[in-house]
Amino acid sequence: MSKKTRRHERILSVLDANPSIRVKELADELGVSSETVRRDLTELDNTGRIARTYGGAVRTKAFEPALAERLKLHIAQREAIARLAVERAGTASSLFIGGGATTLHFARALRQTSRRLTVLTPAFSIATELSTNPMIEVMALPGIVEPKEGVVYGGETLKCIAQFRTPLAVIGASGVDADGVSEALLNVAQVYSAMVRHSDETLVLADSSKFGVRSLQQVVGLERNVCLVTQKEPEPALQAAIRQRGAELLYDTSRSESRP
């Protein structure tokens, strides 16, 4: 971990303990200059992990780090999830794909397909990734741009989704708990909920860091026609909720993170 990354994590920890701390106090706490702290706060603000205030910052709990930041995390786990999800998608001829770091890994794996496929997506990165394969017809949904996530939302997005029906929707998650799958961004959650409603089945791609987390708005419950695809076995309480509500669980039984 780099010196800057350690400093950023320390800033987040300090803000958790004292949300009203000022720049000068942060600088004294970290043993760096006020200018260094201001630069760090600007970078953390740009990734959505804090919100700048006059003279300081506050920790944001409702939002995930921006997509550019999340793409650096859990890469091996997300690649494993993507491979499982592509296998689970089978021969679906059309699908909705939501935005996010794990769904981008899914798109990269799906791009290798040699069969004809239609993909509808609100995410620029997904559309760009898949459009390099001439066998995949990509429809980029219309709407208002959410810049940190690179997705669109709004009335035009929802109206467009309502015109279609696909065998499969593939979405990520900000959190997965016993109540279901949740998303940190309210407007984006509405888009993903619409995609789920207009699909026969939903694959939820979520690494284990999302387990036990409940975010701002629920997108879908752990119900029939929902399959959670992850890289490791969830804790017993989450597994029990999945079984009781009729959802499906898929993870790589050949992998064990407890091995040295």
Protein backbone atom coordinates (compact mmCIF):
# COMPACT_ATOMS: atom_id res chain seq x y z
CA MET A 1 0.00 0.00 0.00
CA SER A 2 1.41 3.39 -1.02
CA LYS A 3 2.02 6.23 1.42
CA LYS A 4 -0.82 8.23 -0.15
CA THR A 5 -3.25 5.30 0.09
CA ARG A 6 -2.38 4.80 3.76
CA ARG A 7 -2.92 8.51 4.32
CA HIS A 8 -6.31 8.38 2.56
CA GLU A 9 -7.41 5.44 4.71
CA ARG A 10 -6.28 7.28 7.82
CA ILE A 11 -8.26 10.37 6.78
CA LEU A 12 -11.39 8.24 6.34
CA SER A 13 -10.85 6.65 9.75
CA VAL A 14 -10.41 10.04 11.41
CA LEU A 15 -13.55 11.38 9.71
CA ASP A 16 -15.52 8.38 10.98
CA ALA A 17 -14.50 9.27 14.53
CA ASN A 18 -14.81 13.05 14.16
CA PRO A 19 -16.92 14.19 11.16
CA SER A 20 -16.40 17.88 11.94
CA ILE A 21 -12.58 17.85 12.06
CA ARG A 22 -10.90 20.75 10.19
CA VAL A 23 -8.09 20.72 7.65
CA LYS A 24 -5.53 22.09 10.14
CA GLU A 25 -6.46 19.44 12.70
CA LEU A 26 -6.22 16.70 10.06
CA ALA A 27 -2.79 17.97 9.04
CA ASP A 28 -1.60 17.86 12.66
CA GLU A 29 -3.09 14.37 13.11
CA LEU A 30 -1.29 13.06 10.01
CA GLY A 31 1.93 15.01 10.40
CA VAL A 32 1.69 16.57 6.93
CA SER A 33 1.04 20.05 5.55
CA SER A 34 -2.43 21.55 5.20
CA GLU A 35 -1.87 21.73 1.44
CA THR A 36 -1.27 17.96 1.31
CA VAL A 37 -4.48 17.35 3.25
CA ARG A 38 -6.43 19.62 0.88
CA ARG A 39 -5.16 17.67 -2.13
CA ASP A 40 -6.06 14.38 -0.43
CA LEU A 41 -9.56 15.65 0.38
CA THR A 42 -10.07 16.75 -3.22
CA GLU A 43 -9.07 13.29 -4.49
CA LEU A 44 -11.34 11.53 -1.99
CA ASP A 45 -14.19 13.88 -2.90
CA ASN A 46 -13.71 13.06 -6.59
CA THR A 47 -14.11 9.34 -5.86
CA GLY A 48 -17.27 9.93 -3.81
CA ARG A 49 -15.82 8.66 -0.53
CA ILE A 50 -16.20 12.02 1.23
CA ALA A 51 -17.98 15.33 0.65
CA ARG A 52 -15.94 18.52 0.94
CA THR A 53 -17.17 21.23 3.30
CA TYR A 54 -15.89 24.70 4.03
CA GLY A 55 -12.63 24.09 5.92
CA GLY A 56 -12.96 20.32 6.07
CA ALA A 57 -14.94 17.29 4.90
CA VAL A 58 -17.52 14.73 5.97
CA ARG A 59 -17.55 10.98 5.36
CA THR A 60 -20.26 9.80 2.95
CA LYS A 61 -21.92 6.58 4.06
CA ALA A 62 -24.64 6.30 1.41
CA PHE A 63 -22.33 6.17 -1.60
CA GLU A 64 -19.69 3.83 -2.92
CA PRO A 65 -16.37 5.03 -4.31
CA ALA A 66 -16.66 6.06 -7.95
CA LEU A 67 -16.24 3.46 -10.68
CA ALA A 68 -12.64 4.47 -11.49
CA GLU A 69 -11.65 3.79 -7.87
CA ARG A 70 -13.56 0.49 -7.60
CA LEU A 71 -11.99 -0.90 -10.75
CA LYS A 72 -8.69 -1.12 -8.85
CA LEU A 73 -10.17 -3.40 -6.16
CA HIS A 74 -10.95 -7.15 -5.92
CA ILE A 75 -9.80 -7.78 -9.50
CA ALA A 76 -9.17 -11.54 -9.17
CA GLN A 77 -12.47 -12.07 -7.37
CA ARG A 78 -14.39 -10.11 -10.00
CA GLU A 79 -12.75 -11.99 -12.85
CA ALA A 80 -13.78 -15.28 -11.23
CA ILE A 81 -17.35 -14.01 -10.83
CA ALA A 82 -17.41 -12.88 -14.47
CA ARG A 83 -16.38 -16.33 -15.72
CA LEU A 84 -19.09 -18.04 -13.66
CA ALA A 85 -21.70 -15.52 -14.79
CA VAL A 86 -20.90 -15.97 -18.49
CA GLU A 87 -21.31 -19.73 -18.07
CA ARG A 88 -24.57 -19.21 -16.15
CA ALA A 89 -25.91 -16.85 -18.83
CA GLY A 90 -25.88 -19.80 -21.20
CA THR A 91 -27.41 -19.16 -24.60
CA ALA A 92 -29.52 -16.11 -23.74
CA SER A 93 -29.98 -14.20 -26.98
CA SER A 94 -30.46 -10.79 -25.38
CA LEU A 95 -29.76 -9.22 -22.03
CA PHE A 96 -29.69 -6.03 -20.03
CA ILE A 97 -26.34 -5.29 -18.39
CA GLY A 98 -26.03 -2.66 -15.65
CA GLY A 99 -22.99 -0.55 -14.91
CA GLY A 100 -20.29 -1.15 -12.32
CA ALA A 101 -16.88 -2.71 -11.82
CA THR A 102 -17.96 -6.36 -11.69
CA THR A 103 -20.34 -6.05 -14.64
CA LEU A 104 -17.47 -4.54 -16.67
CA HIS A 105 -15.43 -7.69 -15.97
CA PHE A 106 -18.48 -9.67 -17.08
CA ALA A 107 -18.62 -7.68 -20.33
CA ARG A 108 -14.93 -8.36 -20.96
CA ALA A 109 -15.53 -12.09 -20.58
CA LEU A 110 -18.72 -11.99 -22.64
CA ARG A 111 -16.91 -10.13 -25.44
CA GLN A 112 -15.21 -13.40 -26.41
CA THR A 113 -18.52 -14.93 -27.57
CA SER A 114 -18.83 -16.22 -31.12
CA ARG A 115 -22.64 -16.22 -31.20
CA ARG A 116 -25.04 -13.43 -32.06
CA LEU A 117 -26.21 -11.47 -29.05
CA THR A 118 -28.13 -8.25 -28.32
CA VAL A 119 -27.15 -6.20 -25.27
CA LEU A 120 -29.00 -3.20 -23.86
CA THR A 121 -27.06 -1.14 -21.33
CA PRO A 122 -27.11 2.25 -19.58
CA ALA A 123 -23.31 2.07 -19.07
CA PHE A 124 -20.82 3.66 -21.47
CA SER A 125 -18.00 1.31 -20.49
CA ILE A 126 -20.13 -1.78 -21.13
CA ALA A 127 -21.28 -0.49 -24.53
CA THR A 128 -17.73 0.37 -25.57
CA GLU A 129 -16.33 -2.97 -24.41
CA LEU A 130 -18.91 -5.11 -26.20
CA SER A 131 -19.11 -3.09 -29.42
CA THR A 132 -15.64 -4.35 -30.41
CA ASN A 133 -17.22 -7.76 -31.18
CA PRO A 134 -19.22 -7.57 -34.45
CA MET A 135 -21.36 -10.51 -33.29
CA ILE A 136 -22.77 -8.40 -30.44
CA GLU A 137 -25.41 -5.78 -31.24
CA VAL A 138 -25.23 -3.11 -28.55
CA MET A 139 -27.99 -0.65 -27.72
CA ALA A 140 -26.90 2.22 -25.48
CA LEU A 141 -29.90 3.41 -23.49
CA PRO A 142 -30.77 7.14 -23.55
CA GLY A 143 -30.86 9.37 -20.48
CA ILE A 144 -29.13 11.83 -18.19
CA VAL A 145 -25.44 11.11 -17.57
CA GLU A 146 -24.18 10.24 -14.08
CA PRO A 147 -20.50 11.18 -14.63
CA LYS A 148 -18.74 9.28 -11.83
CA GLU A 149 -20.40 5.98 -12.79
CA GLY A 150 -20.62 6.53 -16.54
CA VAL A 151 -24.27 5.47 -16.66
CA VAL A 152 -27.51 7.15 -17.71
CA TYR A 153 -30.75 7.49 -15.77
CA GLY A 154 -34.06 9.33 -15.81
CA GLY A 155 -37.47 9.18 -17.45
CA GLU A 156 -36.18 8.55 -20.96
CA THR A 157 -34.08 5.64 -19.70
CA LEU A 158 -37.04 4.04 -17.95
CA LYS A 159 -39.33 4.62 -20.94
CA CYS A 160 -36.85 2.91 -23.25
CA ILE A 161 -36.39 -0.09 -20.94
CA ALA A 162 -40.18 -0.56 -20.81
CA GLN A 163 -40.25 -1.24 -24.56
CA PHE A 164 -38.18 -4.41 -24.25
CA ARG A 165 -38.22 -7.84 -22.64
CA THR A 166 -35.05 -9.91 -22.28
CA PRO A 167 -34.40 -13.40 -20.91
CA LEU A 168 -31.74 -12.04 -18.59
CA ALA A 169 -30.64 -8.94 -16.66
CA VAL A 170 -27.11 -8.79 -15.26
CA ILE A 171 -26.53 -6.23 -12.51
CA GLY A 172 -23.99 -5.46 -9.81
CA ALA A 173 -24.73 -4.42 -6.24
CA SER A 174 -23.65 -1.93 -3.61
CA GLY A 175 -24.85 -4.33 -0.95
CA VAL A 176 -26.39 -7.77 -0.48
CA ASP A 177 -28.08 -8.72 2.79
CA ALA A 178 -30.91 -10.95 3.93
CA ASP A 179 -33.48 -8.49 2.57
CA GLY A 180 -32.04 -8.37 -0.94
CA VAL A 181 -29.82 -6.45 -3.33
CA SER A 182 -29.34 -2.72 -2.87
CA GLU A 183 -27.76 0.18 -4.76
CA ALA A 184 -26.16 3.35 -3.37
CA LEU A 185 -27.25 5.74 -6.13
CA LEU A 186 -31.00 6.39 -6.05
CA ASN A 187 -31.46 7.25 -9.74
CA VAL A 188 -29.33 4.31 -10.86
CA ALA A 189 -31.27 1.95 -8.56
CA GLN A 190 -34.47 2.91 -10.40
CA VAL A 191 -32.86 1.97 -13.73
CA TYR A 192 -31.68 -1.40 -12.44
CA SER A 193 -35.08 -2.14 -10.90
CA ALA A 194 -36.70 -1.48 -14.29
CA MET A 195 -34.21 -3.80 -15.99
CA VAL A 196 -35.08 -6.54 -13.50
CA ARG A 197 -38.83 -6.06 -14.06
CA HIS A 198 -38.40 -6.38 -17.82
CA SER A 199 -36.31 -9.57 -17.68
CA ASP A 200 -37.25 -13.18 -17.02
CA GLU A 201 -34.25 -13.80 -14.78
CA THR A 202 -31.63 -11.71 -12.98
CA LEU A 203 -27.97 -12.44 -12.28
CA VAL A 204 -26.57 -10.36 -9.42
CA LEU A 205 -22.77 -10.16 -9.56
CA ALA A 206 -21.32 -9.27 -6.16
CA ASP A 207 -18.01 -10.05 -4.47
CA SER A 208 -17.97 -10.96 -0.79
CA SER A 209 -17.14 -7.39 0.33
CA LYS A 210 -20.82 -6.58 -0.43
CA PHE A 211 -22.21 -9.24 1.93
CA GLY A 212 -24.09 -7.92 4.93
CA VAL A 213 -24.19 -4.40 3.47
CA ARG A 214 -27.45 -2.53 2.99
CA SER A 215 -27.30 0.51 0.76
CA LEU A 216 -29.72 3.33 -0.05
CA GLN A 217 -32.38 1.59 -2.15
CA GLN A 218 -33.31 -2.02 -2.68
CA VAL A 219 -33.24 -3.12 -6.32
CA VAL A 220 -34.55 -6.68 -6.01
CA GLY A 221 -35.24 -9.18 -3.24
CA LEU A 222 -33.66 -12.59 -2.85
CA GLU A 223 -36.47 -14.29 -4.71
CA ARG A 224 -37.17 -16.80 -7.44
CA ASN A 225 -35.53 -15.97 -10.78
CA VAL A 226 -32.68 -14.19 -8.97
CA CYS A 227 -29.22 -15.78 -8.92
CA LEU A 228 -26.41 -14.38 -6.77
CA VAL A 229 -23.04 -15.01 -8.45
CA THR A 230 -20.06 -14.52 -6.17
CA GLN A 231 -16.55 -15.83 -5.58
CA LYS A 232 -16.93 -17.45 -2.16
CA GLU A 233 -19.50 -19.07 0.04
CA PRO A 234 -21.56 -16.46 1.94
CA GLU A 235 -22.02 -16.60 5.69
CA PRO A 236 -24.78 -18.97 6.95
CA ALA A 237 -27.39 -16.24 7.60
CA LEU A 238 -27.23 -14.97 4.03
CA GLN A 239 -27.26 -18.52 2.64
CA ALA A 240 -30.34 -19.30 4.71
CA ALA A 241 -32.15 -16.22 3.39
CA ILE A 242 -31.31 -17.21 -0.19
CA ARG A 243 -32.66 -20.75 0.33
CA GLN A 244 -35.81 -19.66 2.17
CA ARG A 245 -36.81 -17.13 -0.49
CA GLY A 246 -36.15 -19.35 -3.48
CA ALA A 247 -33.16 -17.53 -4.97
CA GLU A 248 -30.16 -19.32 -6.47
CA LEU A 249 -26.55 -19.13 -5.25
CA LEU A 250 -23.57 -19.71 -7.52
CA TYR A 251 -19.93 -19.58 -6.40
CA ASP A 252 -16.70 -21.32 -7.35
CA THR A 253 -16.40 -24.33 -5.07
CA SER A 254 -12.86 -25.02 -6.33
CA ARG A 255 -11.57 -21.78 -4.83
CA SER A 256 -10.79 -21.36 -1.14
CA GLU A 257 -9.56 -18.06 0.18
CA SER A 258 -8.49 -19.74 3.40
CA ARG A 259 -5.67 -21.56 1.66
CA PRO A 260 -2.20 -20.06 2.13
